[in-house]
Protein backbone atom coordinates (compact mmCIF):
# COMPACT_ATOMS: atom_id res chain seq x y z
CA MET A 1 -100.31 -77.72 12.40
CA ASP A 2 -96.69 -77.93 11.28
CA GLU A 3 -96.16 -77.92 7.51
CA ARG A 4 -93.83 -80.93 7.70
CA LYS A 5 -96.76 -83.16 8.75
CA PHE A 6 -98.20 -82.74 5.24
CA PHE A 7 -95.09 -84.19 3.55
CA ASN A 8 -92.99 -87.35 3.41
CA GLU A 9 -89.29 -86.46 3.50
CA SER A 10 -86.44 -88.29 1.83
CA ALA A 11 -82.88 -87.48 0.79
CA THR A 12 -81.47 -87.85 -2.71
CA THR A 13 -78.46 -86.77 -4.75
CA ARG A 14 -78.51 -85.24 -8.21
CA PRO A 15 -75.59 -84.48 -10.52
CA ALA A 16 -74.75 -80.89 -11.39
CA THR A 17 -71.97 -79.44 -13.53
CA LEU A 18 -70.08 -76.78 -11.57
CA GLN A 19 -67.09 -74.63 -12.43
CA CYS A 20 -64.45 -73.84 -9.83
CA PRO A 21 -63.95 -70.05 -9.65
CA TYR A 22 -60.27 -70.49 -8.73
CA CYS A 23 -58.89 -72.89 -11.35
CA ARG A 24 -61.80 -72.69 -13.86
CA SER A 25 -62.09 -76.48 -14.17
CA THR A 26 -65.59 -77.81 -14.85
CA GLU A 27 -66.60 -81.07 -13.16
CA ALA A 28 -69.77 -82.99 -12.31
CA HIS A 29 -70.63 -82.89 -8.60
CA GLU A 30 -73.27 -84.87 -6.70
CA LEU A 31 -75.43 -82.39 -4.77
CA ARG A 32 -77.62 -83.43 -1.84
CA TRP A 33 -81.34 -82.57 -1.99
CA LEU A 34 -84.17 -82.97 0.53
CA VAL A 35 -87.30 -84.18 -1.29
CA ARG A 36 -90.66 -83.36 0.30
CA THR A 37 -93.48 -85.32 -1.33
CA LYS A 38 -97.05 -84.32 -0.48
CA LYS A 39 -99.01 -87.02 1.34
CA ASN A 40 -102.11 -88.47 -0.31
CA THR A 41 -104.41 -87.71 2.62
CA ILE A 42 -104.50 -84.91 5.15
CA PRO A 43 -103.23 -85.88 8.63
CA SER A 44 -105.76 -86.36 11.41
CA GLY A 45 -106.36 -83.42 13.71
CA ALA A 46 -106.36 -80.83 10.93
CA ASP A 47 -108.77 -77.90 11.13
CA GLU A 48 -110.40 -75.97 8.28
CA ARG A 49 -107.37 -73.67 7.80
CA ASP A 50 -105.09 -76.72 7.51
CA ARG A 51 -107.41 -78.27 4.90
CA LEU A 52 -107.18 -75.12 2.75
CA LEU A 53 -103.41 -75.09 3.09
CA PHE A 54 -103.16 -78.80 2.22
CA ARG A 55 -105.05 -78.26 -1.07
CA LYS A 56 -102.56 -75.58 -2.16
CA LEU A 57 -99.38 -77.46 -1.29
CA GLN A 58 -97.28 -79.33 -3.84
CA SER A 59 -94.18 -81.52 -3.69
CA TYR A 60 -90.76 -79.84 -3.84
CA MET A 61 -87.01 -80.31 -3.37
CA VAL A 62 -84.63 -78.18 -1.29
CA LEU A 63 -80.87 -78.00 -1.94
CA LEU A 64 -78.92 -78.98 1.20
CA ASP A 65 -75.37 -78.25 0.00
CA ASP A 66 -74.12 -74.68 -0.19
CA LYS A 67 -70.45 -75.39 -0.89
CA ALA A 68 -68.53 -77.84 -3.09
CA VAL A 69 -64.92 -78.95 -3.21
CA CYS A 70 -62.97 -78.64 -6.46
CA ARG A 71 -62.07 -82.04 -7.90
CA ASN A 72 -58.89 -80.82 -9.58
CA PRO A 73 -56.01 -82.43 -7.59
CA ARG A 74 -53.95 -79.24 -7.84
CA CYS A 75 -56.71 -76.97 -6.53
CA ARG A 76 -59.00 -78.78 -4.02
CA LYS A 77 -60.47 -75.47 -2.79
CA ARG A 78 -64.00 -75.08 -1.40
CA PHE A 79 -66.30 -72.74 -3.31
CA ASP A 80 -69.90 -71.57 -3.04
CA ILE A 81 -72.47 -73.22 -5.28
CA SER A 82 -74.04 -70.60 -7.50
CA GLY A 83 -76.24 -70.67 -10.56
CA ILE A 84 -78.47 -73.44 -9.21
CA LYS A 85 -81.89 -72.79 -7.73
CA THR A 86 -82.16 -73.84 -4.11
CA THR A 87 -85.82 -74.91 -4.38
CA ALA A 88 -87.41 -76.91 -7.19
CA PHE A 89 -91.08 -77.86 -7.43
CA LEU A 90 -91.83 -81.40 -8.55
CA VAL A 91 -94.39 -81.73 -11.34
CA ALA A 92 -96.63 -84.80 -11.33
CA ASP A 93 -96.54 -86.93 -14.49
CA GLN A 94 -99.61 -85.67 -16.36
CA ALA A 95 -99.46 -88.26 -19.19
CA GLY A 96 -98.92 -91.23 -16.86
CA GLY A 97 -102.55 -92.34 -16.66
CA ARG A 98 -103.48 -91.67 -20.30
């Protein structure tokens, strides 16, 4: 079974402070992320191996953007995004029910 059947997918943007390597200006950029949230129940048609895999899975985000454009009007060059992890695991709120 495909791993994507275990998740609900949605897109979101998150702010990140990036520095242009050309002009050294630091600006806030909105980066696009793909959020994969684990479903509450296992999909139908899953075998025993899929059930074991489903128990181990957790929700995560994947960075979609790999380049950004400098916001300085004099520069406006494209640069690679570095210093940001491309995958981030989402932690469930442990104190929410207590």
